[in-house]
PDB file of N, CA and C in Angstrom:
ATOM      1  N   MET A   1      87.004 -60.265 -37.508  1.00  0.00           N
ATOM      2  CA  MET A   1      88.366 -60.131 -38.207  1.00  0.00           C
ATOM      3  C   MET A   1      89.036 -58.996 -37.718  1.00  0.00           C
ATOM      4  N   VAL A   2      88.302 -57.903 -37.452  1.00  0.00           N
ATOM      5  CA  VAL A   2      89.000 -56.757 -36.926  1.00  0.00           C
ATOM      6  C   VAL A   2      89.556 -56.874 -35.560  1.00  0.00           C
ATOM      7  N   GLY A   3      88.840 -57.687 -34.731  1.00  0.00           N
ATOM      8  CA  GLY A   3      89.327 -57.929 -33.354  1.00  0.00           C
ATOM      9  C   GLY A   3      90.561 -58.765 -33.295  1.00  0.00           C
ATOM     10  N   ILE A   4      90.702 -59.658 -34.318  1.00  0.00           N
ATOM     11  CA  ILE A   4      91.852 -60.644 -34.356  1.00  0.00           C
ATOM     12  C   ILE A   4      93.101 -59.632 -34.935  1.00  0.00           C
ATOM     13  N   PHE A   5      92.814 -58.794 -35.815  1.00  0.00           N
ATOM     14  CA  PHE A   5      94.016 -58.003 -36.218  1.00  0.00           C
ATOM     15  C   PHE A   5      94.245 -56.838 -35.256  1.00  0.00           C
ATOM     16  N   ALA A   6      93.317 -56.476 -34.458  1.00  0.00           N
ATOM     17  CA  ALA A   6      93.535 -55.352 -33.567  1.00  0.00           C
ATOM     18  C   ALA A   6      94.222 -55.891 -32.091  1.00  0.00           C
ATOM     19  N   SER A   7      94.123 -57.096 -31.864  1.00  0.00           N
ATOM     20  CA  SER A   7      94.424 -57.714 -30.723  1.00  0.00           C
ATOM     21  C   SER A   7      96.010 -57.420 -30.373  1.00  0.00           C
ATOM     22  N   PRO A   8      96.910 -57.649 -31.317  1.00  0.00           N
ATOM     23  CA  PRO A   8      98.312 -57.255 -30.978  1.00  0.00           C
ATOM     24  C   PRO A   8      98.571 -55.754 -30.737  1.00  0.00           C
ATOM     25  N   LEU A   9      97.703 -54.868 -31.245  1.00  0.00           N
ATOM     26  CA  LEU A   9      97.836 -53.413 -30.893  1.00  0.00           C
ATOM     27  C   LEU A   9      97.501 -53.128 -29.487  1.00  0.00           C
ATOM     28  N   VAL A  10      96.848 -53.968 -28.703  1.00  0.00           N
ATOM     29  CA  VAL A  10      96.417 -53.731 -27.332  1.00  0.00           C
ATOM     30  C   VAL A  10      97.750 -53.641 -26.511  1.00  0.00           C
ATOM     31  N   PHE A  11      98.688 -54.432 -26.747  1.00  0.00           N
ATOM     32  CA  PHE A  11      99.910 -54.390 -26.073  1.00  0.00           C
ATOM     33  C   PHE A  11     100.747 -53.047 -26.294  1.00  0.00           C
ATOM     34  N   LEU A  12     100.617 -52.658 -27.521  1.00  0.00           N
ATOM     35  CA  LEU A  12     101.300 -51.328 -27.916  1.00  0.00           C
ATOM     36  C   LEU A  12     100.577 -50.079 -27.367  1.00  0.00           C
ATOM     37  N   VAL A  13      99.338 -50.172 -27.232  1.00  0.00           N
ATOM     38  CA  VAL A  13      98.488 -49.106 -26.944  1.00  0.00           C
ATOM     39  C   VAL A  13      98.352 -48.897 -25.426  1.00  0.00           C
ATOM     40  N   THR A  14      98.587 -49.941 -24.591  1.00  0.00           N
ATOM     41  CA  THR A  14      98.300 -49.946 -23.216  1.00  0.00           C
ATOM     42  C   THR A  14      99.046 -48.891 -22.482  1.00  0.00           C
ATOM     43  N   PRO A  15     100.322 -48.703 -22.805  1.00  0.00           N
ATOM     44  CA  PRO A  15     101.032 -47.512 -22.017  1.00  0.00           C
ATOM     45  C   PRO A  15     100.392 -46.196 -22.443  1.00  0.00           C
ATOM     46  N   LEU A  16      99.991 -45.940 -23.645  1.00  0.00           N
ATOM     47  CA  LEU A  16      99.385 -44.666 -23.928  1.00  0.00           C
ATOM     48  C   LEU A  16      97.988 -44.448 -23.365  1.00  0.00           C
ATOM     49  N   ALA A  17      97.278 -45.606 -23.426  1.00  0.00           N
ATOM     50  CA  ALA A  17      95.932 -45.438 -22.764  1.00  0.00           C
ATOM     51  C   ALA A  17      96.076 -45.248 -21.220  1.00  0.00           C
ATOM     52  N   LYS A  18      96.993 -45.831 -20.586  1.00  0.00           N
ATOM     53  CA  LYS A  18      97.216 -45.462 -19.114  1.00  0.00           C
ATOM     54  C   LYS A  18      97.520 -44.142 -18.896  1.00  0.00           C
ATOM     55  N   ALA A  19      98.338 -43.653 -19.687  1.00  0.00           N
ATOM     56  CA  ALA A  19      98.751 -42.105 -19.609  1.00  0.00           C
ATOM     57  C   ALA A  19      97.629 -41.271 -19.913  1.00  0.00           C
ATOM     58  N   LEU A  20      96.663 -41.524 -20.813  1.00  0.00           N
ATOM     59  CA  LEU A  20      95.489 -40.812 -21.039  1.00  0.00           C
ATOM     60  C   LEU A  20      94.174 -41.068 -20.181  1.00  0.00           C
ATOM     61  N   ARG A  21      94.413 -42.176 -19.360  1.00  0.00           N
ATOM     62  CA  ARG A  21      93.414 -42.626 -18.372  1.00  0.00           C
ATOM     63  C   ARG A  21      92.143 -43.248 -19.116  1.00  0.00           C
ATOM     64  N   LEU A  22      92.568 -43.958 -20.118  1.00  0.00           N
ATOM     65  CA  LEU A  22      91.531 -44.730 -20.837  1.00  0.00           C
ATOM     66  C   LEU A  22      91.889 -46.259 -20.837  1.00  0.00           C
ATOM     67  N   THR A  23      90.841 -46.998 -21.197  1.00  0.00           N
ATOM     68  CA  THR A  23      91.130 -48.336 -21.426  1.00  0.00           C
ATOM     69  C   THR A  23      91.692 -48.541 -22.825  1.00  0.00           C
ATOM     70  N   PRO A  24      92.471 -49.616 -22.930  1.00  0.00           N
ATOM     71  CA  PRO A  24      93.071 -49.831 -24.260  1.00  0.00           C
ATOM     72  C   PRO A  24      92.027 -50.010 -25.387  1.00  0.00           C
ATOM     73  N   THR A  25      90.940 -50.551 -25.066  1.00  0.00           N
ATOM     74  CA  THR A  25      89.852 -50.803 -25.963  1.00  0.00           C
ATOM     75  C   THR A  25      89.274 -49.513 -26.406  1.00  0.00           C
ATOM     76  N   ALA A  26      89.089 -48.595 -25.440  1.00  0.00           N
ATOM     77  CA  ALA A  26      88.508 -47.292 -25.854  1.00  0.00           C
ATOM     78  C   ALA A  26      89.399 -46.435 -26.566  1.00  0.00           C
ATOM     79  N   LEU A  27      90.706 -46.578 -26.399  1.00  0.00           N
ATOM     80  CA  LEU A  27      91.683 -45.778 -27.136  1.00  0.00           C
ATOM     81  C   LEU A  27      91.749 -46.388 -28.618  1.00  0.00           C
ATOM     82  N   LEU A  28      91.624 -47.724 -28.845  1.00  0.00           N
ATOM     83  CA  LEU A  28      91.653 -48.253 -30.185  1.00  0.00           C
ATOM     84  C   LEU A  28      90.253 -47.868 -30.919  1.00  0.00           C
ATOM     85  N   VAL A  29      89.126 -47.853 -30.214  1.00  0.00           N
ATOM     86  CA  VAL A  29      87.978 -47.349 -30.819  1.00  0.00           C
ATOM     87  C   VAL A  29      88.143 -45.880 -31.280  1.00  0.00           C
ATOM     88  N   ALA A  30      88.708 -44.954 -30.370  1.00  0.00           N
ATOM     89  CA  ALA A  30      88.804 -43.723 -30.692  1.00  0.00           C
ATOM     90  C   ALA A  30      89.747 -43.454 -31.944  1.00  0.00           C
ATOM     91  N   ILE A  31      90.875 -44.230 -31.969  1.00  0.00           N
ATOM     92  CA  ILE A  31      91.809 -44.246 -33.131  1.00  0.00           C
ATOM     93  C   ILE A  31      91.086 -44.553 -34.344  1.00  0.00           C
ATOM     94  N   SER A  32      90.318 -45.649 -34.275  1.00  0.00           N
ATOM     95  CA  SER A  32      89.605 -46.148 -35.462  1.00  0.00           C
ATOM     96  C   SER A  32      88.625 -45.109 -35.933  1.00  0.00           C
ATOM     97  N   THR A  33      87.854 -44.570 -35.010  1.00  0.00           N
ATOM     98  CA  THR A  33      86.870 -43.506 -35.361  1.00  0.00           C
ATOM     99  C   THR A  33      87.508 -42.340 -36.056  1.00  0.00           C
ATOM    100  N   ILE A  34      88.557 -41.909 -35.519  1.00  0.00           N
ATOM    101  CA  ILE A  34      89.393 -40.846 -36.131  1.00  0.00           C
ATOM    102  C   ILE A  34      89.897 -41.109 -37.494  1.00  0.00           C
ATOM    103  N   SER A  35      90.367 -42.438 -37.738  1.00  0.00           N
ATOM    104  CA  SER A  35      90.801 -42.819 -38.991  1.00  0.00           C
ATOM    105  C   SER A  35      89.671 -42.863 -40.003  1.00  0.00           C
ATOM    106  N   VAL A  36      88.496 -43.282 -39.575  1.00  0.00           N
ATOM    107  CA  VAL A  36      87.396 -43.285 -40.625  1.00  0.00           C
ATOM    108  C   VAL A  36      87.001 -41.985 -40.877  1.00  0.00           C
ATOM    109  N   ALA A  37      87.001 -40.917 -39.902  1.00  0.00           N
ATOM    110  CA  ALA A  37      86.623 -39.598 -40.333  1.00  0.00           C
ATOM    111  C   ALA A  37      87.563 -39.020 -41.205  1.00  0.00           C
ATOM    112  N   VAL A  38      88.920 -39.226 -41.090  1.00  0.00           N
ATOM    113  CA  VAL A  38      89.885 -38.617 -41.982  1.00  0.00           C
ATOM    114  C   VAL A  38      89.685 -39.182 -43.354  1.00  0.00           C
ATOM    115  N   ILE A  39      89.398 -40.522 -43.445  1.00  0.00           N
ATOM    116  CA  ILE A  39      89.174 -41.067 -44.767  1.00  0.00           C
ATOM    117  C   ILE A  39      87.792 -40.463 -45.344  1.00  0.00           C
ATOM    118  N   LEU A  40      86.968 -40.359 -44.704  1.00  0.00           N
ATOM    119  CA  LEU A  40      85.606 -39.692 -45.245  1.00  0.00           C
ATOM    120  C   LEU A  40      85.905 -38.230 -45.687  1.00  0.00           C
ATOM    121  N   ILE A  41      86.656 -37.478 -44.948  1.00  0.00           N
ATOM    122  CA  ILE A  41      87.007 -36.158 -45.440  1.00  0.00           C
ATOM    123  C   ILE A  41      87.909 -36.089 -46.648  1.00  0.00           C
ATOM    124  N   GLN A  42      88.844 -36.958 -46.795  1.00  0.00           N
ATOM    125  CA  GLN A  42      89.599 -37.126 -47.935  1.00  0.00           C
ATOM    126  C   GLN A  42      88.745 -37.453 -49.196  1.00  0.00           C
ATOM    127  N   LEU A  43      87.970 -38.455 -48.955  1.00  0.00           N
ATOM    128  CA  LEU A  43      86.996 -38.785 -50.048  1.00  0.00           C
ATOM    129  C   LEU A  43      86.123 -37.590 -50.530  1.00  0.00           C
ATOM    130  N   SER A  44      85.650 -36.802 -49.509  1.00  0.00           N
ATOM    131  CA  SER A  44      84.720 -35.682 -49.771  1.00  0.00           C
ATOM    132  C   SER A  44      85.579 -34.602 -50.559  1.00  0.00           C
ATOM    133  N   VAL A  45      86.790 -34.519 -50.292  1.00  0.00           N
ATOM    134  CA  VAL A  45      87.623 -33.422 -50.960  1.00  0.00           C
ATOM    135  C   VAL A  45      87.884 -34.056 -52.386  1.00  0.00           C
ATOM    136  N   SER A  46      88.120 -35.279 -52.557  1.00  0.00           N
ATOM    137  CA  SER A  46      88.287 -35.884 -53.859  1.00  0.00           C
ATOM    138  C   SER A  46      87.140 -35.805 -54.795  1.00  0.00           C
ATOM    139  N   ILE A  47      86.005 -36.037 -54.192  1.00  0.00           N
ATOM    140  CA  ILE A  47      84.688 -35.847 -54.933  1.00  0.00           C
ATOM    141  C   ILE A  47      84.449 -34.388 -55.391  1.00  0.00           C
ATOM    142  N   SER A  48      84.739 -33.563 -54.536  1.00  0.00           N
ATOM    143  CA  SER A  48      84.453 -32.064 -54.872  1.00  0.00           C
ATOM    144  C   SER A  48      85.509 -31.722 -56.054  1.00  0.00           C
ATOM    145  N   GLY A  49      86.726 -32.084 -55.921  1.00  0.00           N
ATOM    146  CA  GLY A  49      87.532 -31.981 -57.031  1.00  0.00           C
ATOM    147  C   GLY A  49      87.122 -32.486 -58.291  1.00  0.00           C
ATOM    148  N   ASN A  50      86.627 -33.606 -58.325  1.00  0.00           N
ATOM    149  CA  ASN A  50      86.084 -34.194 -59.497  1.00  0.00           C
ATOM    150  C   ASN A  50      84.938 -33.484 -60.057  1.00  0.00           C
ATOM    151  N   GLN A  51      83.903 -33.080 -59.139  1.00  0.00           N
ATOM    152  CA  GLN A  51      82.815 -32.411 -59.657  1.00  0.00           C
ATOM    153  C   GLN A  51      83.273 -30.995 -60.332  1.00  0.00           C
ATOM    154  N   ARG A  52      84.217 -30.446 -59.616  1.00  0.00           N
ATOM    155  CA  ARG A  52      84.735 -29.185 -60.337  1.00  0.00           C
ATOM    156  C   ARG A  52      85.264 -29.498 -61.785  1.00  0.00           C
ATOM    157  N   LYS A  53      86.144 -30.525 -62.031  1.00  0.00           N
ATOM    158  CA  LYS A  53      86.612 -30.880 -63.194  1.00  0.00           C
ATOM    159  C   LYS A  53      85.602 -31.195 -64.145  1.00  0.00           C
ATOM    160  N   MET A  54      84.540 -31.887 -63.699  1.00  0.00           N
ATOM    161  CA  MET A  54      83.300 -32.244 -64.545  1.00  0.00           C
ATOM    162  C   MET A  54      82.643 -30.903 -65.047  1.00  0.00           C
ATOM    163  N   GLU A  55      82.427 -30.041 -64.120  1.00  0.00           N
ATOM    164  CA  GLU A  55      81.727 -28.818 -64.606  1.00  0.00           C
ATOM    165  C   GLU A  55      82.604 -28.011 -65.572  1.00  0.00           C
ATOM    166  N   THR A  56      83.961 -28.011 -65.406  1.00  0.00           N
ATOM    167  CA  THR A  56      84.719 -27.283 -66.384  1.00  0.00           C
ATOM    168  C   THR A  56      84.695 -28.059 -67.734  1.00  0.00           C
ATOM    169  N   LEU A  57      84.619 -29.369 -67.779  1.00  0.00           N
ATOM    170  CA  LEU A  57      84.636 -30.029 -69.075  1.00  0.00           C
ATOM    171  C   LEU A  57      83.260 -29.753 -69.695  1.00  0.00           C
ATOM    172  N   VAL A  58      82.125 -29.714 -68.916  1.00  0.00           N
ATOM    173  CA  VAL A  58      80.943 -29.404 -69.526  1.00  0.00           C
ATOM    174  C   VAL A  58      80.783 -28.074 -70.233  1.00  0.00           C
ATOM    175  N   ARG A  59      81.307 -26.968 -69.458  1.00  0.00           N
ATOM    176  CA  ARG A  59      81.496 -25.676 -69.941  1.00  0.00           C
ATOM    177  C   ARG A  59      82.269 -25.665 -71.317  1.00  0.00           C
ATOM    178  N   GLU A  60      83.501 -26.306 -71.184  1.00  0.00           N
ATOM    179  CA  GLU A  60      84.304 -26.140 -72.379  1.00  0.00           C
ATOM    180  C   GLU A  60      83.676 -26.897 -73.554  1.00  0.00           C
ATOM    181  N   ASN A  61      82.951 -28.006 -73.217  1.00  0.00           N
ATOM    182  CA  ASN A  61      82.170 -28.719 -74.365  1.00  0.00           C
ATOM    183  C   ASN A  61      81.082 -27.719 -74.930  1.00  0.00           C
ATOM    184  N   ALA A  62      80.492 -27.074 -74.113  1.00  0.00           N
ATOM    185  CA  ALA A  62      79.326 -26.191 -74.562  1.00  0.00           C
ATOM    186  C   ALA A  62      80.053 -25.053 -75.379  1.00  0.00           C
ATOM    187  N   LEU A  63      81.067 -24.467 -74.959  1.00  0.00           N
ATOM    188  CA  LEU A  63      81.725 -23.377 -75.675  1.00  0.00           C
ATOM    189  C   LEU A  63      82.289 -23.956 -77.138  1.00  0.00           C
ATOM    190  N   LEU A  64      82.787 -25.122 -77.071  1.00  0.00           N
ATOM    191  CA  LEU A  64      83.296 -25.751 -78.415  1.00  0.00           C
ATOM    192  C   LEU A  64      82.125 -26.013 -79.279  1.00  0.00           C
ATOM    193  N   ARG A  65      81.038 -26.414 -78.825  1.00  0.00           N
ATOM    194  CA  ARG A  65      79.907 -26.620 -79.784  1.00  0.00           C
ATOM    195  C   ARG A  65      79.457 -25.428 -80.325  1.00  0.00           C
ATOM    196  N   GLU A  66      79.398 -24.236 -79.366  1.00  0.00           N
ATOM    197  CA  GLU A  66      78.823 -23.011 -79.836  1.00  0.00           C
ATOM    198  C   GLU A  66      79.910 -22.363 -80.789  1.00  0.00           C
ATOM    199  N   SER A  67      81.245 -22.523 -80.554  1.00  0.00           N
ATOM    200  CA  SER A  67      82.003 -21.947 -81.557  1.00  0.00           C
ATOM    201  C   SER A  67      82.147 -22.821 -82.947  1.00  0.00           C
ATOM    202  N   LEU A  68      81.852 -23.925 -82.863  1.00  0.00           N
ATOM    203  CA  LEU A  68      81.700 -24.711 -84.054  1.00  0.00           C
ATOM    204  C   LEU A  68      80.351 -24.677 -84.779  1.00  0.00           C
ATOM    205  N   GLY A  69      79.397 -24.091 -84.050  1.00  0.00           N
ATOM    206  CA  GLY A  69      77.980 -23.762 -84.588  1.00  0.00           C
ATOM    207  C   GLY A  69      77.309 -25.116 -84.705  1.00  0.00           C
ATOM    208  N   ILE A  70      77.530 -26.112 -83.655  1.00  0.00           N
ATOM    209  CA  ILE A  70      76.810 -27.284 -83.667  1.00  0.00           C
ATOM    210  C   ILE A  70      75.778 -27.287 -82.655  1.00  0.00           C
ATOM    211  N   SER A  71      74.631 -27.497 -83.036  1.00  0.00           N
ATOM    212  CA  SER A  71      73.452 -27.649 -82.172  1.00  0.00           C
ATOM    213  C   SER A  71      72.987 -29.014 -81.773  1.00  0.00           C
ATOM    214  N   MET A  72      72.411 -29.325 -80.678  1.00  0.00           N
ATOM    215  CA  MET A  72      71.870 -30.718 -80.419  1.00  0.00           C
ATOM    216  C   MET A  72      70.962 -31.216 -81.586  1.00  0.00           C
ATOM    217  N   LYS A  73      70.161 -30.286 -82.086  1.00  0.00           N
ATOM    218  CA  LYS A  73      69.172 -30.710 -83.118  1.00  0.00           C
ATOM    219  C   LYS A  73      69.934 -31.098 -84.391  1.00  0.00           C
ATOM    220  N   GLU A  74      71.017 -30.350 -84.814  1.00  0.00           N
ATOM    221  CA  GLU A  74      71.750 -30.856 -85.818  1.00  0.00           C
ATOM    222  C   GLU A  74      72.493 -32.126 -85.678  1.00  0.00           C
ATOM    223  N   LYS A  75      72.912 -32.305 -84.521  1.00  0.00           N
ATOM    224  CA  LYS A  75      73.741 -33.508 -84.241  1.00  0.00           C
ATOM    225  C   LYS A  75      72.833 -34.686 -84.261  1.00  0.00           C
ATOM    226  N   ASN A  76      71.584 -34.597 -83.635  1.00  0.00           N
ATOM    227  CA  ASN A  76      70.607 -35.651 -83.625  1.00  0.00           C
ATOM    228  C   ASN A  76      69.930 -35.929 -85.022  1.00  0.00           C
ATOM    229  N   SER A  77      69.906 -35.004 -85.950  1.00  0.00           N
ATOM    230  CA  SER A  77      69.216 -35.215 -87.257  1.00  0.00           C
ATOM    231  C   SER A  77      70.341 -35.883 -88.049  1.00  0.00           C
ATOM    232  N   GLY A  78      71.702 -35.577 -87.861  1.00  0.00           N
ATOM    233  CA  GLY A  78      72.773 -36.221 -88.638  1.00  0.00           C
ATOM    234  C   GLY A  78      72.901 -37.626 -88.220  1.00  0.00           C
ATOM    235  N   GLU A  79      72.680 -38.009 -87.069  1.00  0.00           N
ATOM    236  CA  GLU A  79      72.735 -39.347 -86.729  1.00  0.00           C
ATOM    237  C   GLU A  79      71.774 -40.258 -87.131  1.00  0.00           C
ATOM    238  N   SER A  80      70.517 -39.643 -87.385  1.00  0.00           N
ATOM    239  CA  SER A  80      69.252 -40.435 -87.828  1.00  0.00           C
ATOM    240  C   SER A  80      69.580 -40.848 -89.318  1.00  0.00           C
ATOM    241  N   LYS A  81      70.216 -40.082 -90.121  1.00  0.00           N
ATOM    242  CA  LYS A  81      70.380 -40.339 -91.597  1.00  0.00           C
ATOM    243  C   LYS A  81      71.194 -41.645 -91.833  1.00  0.00           C
TER     244      LYS A  81
END
């Protein structure tokens, strides 16, 4: 499928490939590799941000429980009744 969708790009990439002294296929592979690397970096940054938000929520939850005087033992015993 990728080859079918990339085949029209060969005609657009050929002049640039000749200027860089590469084959059009090699240039398309390089472009796709760079694209995948950029996507992976973006996902890594997003996951790091989500982890920071999760850590903040856990800390805020712990502080809230402490300020309300709720312990896990009290919470578990209250649910069993």
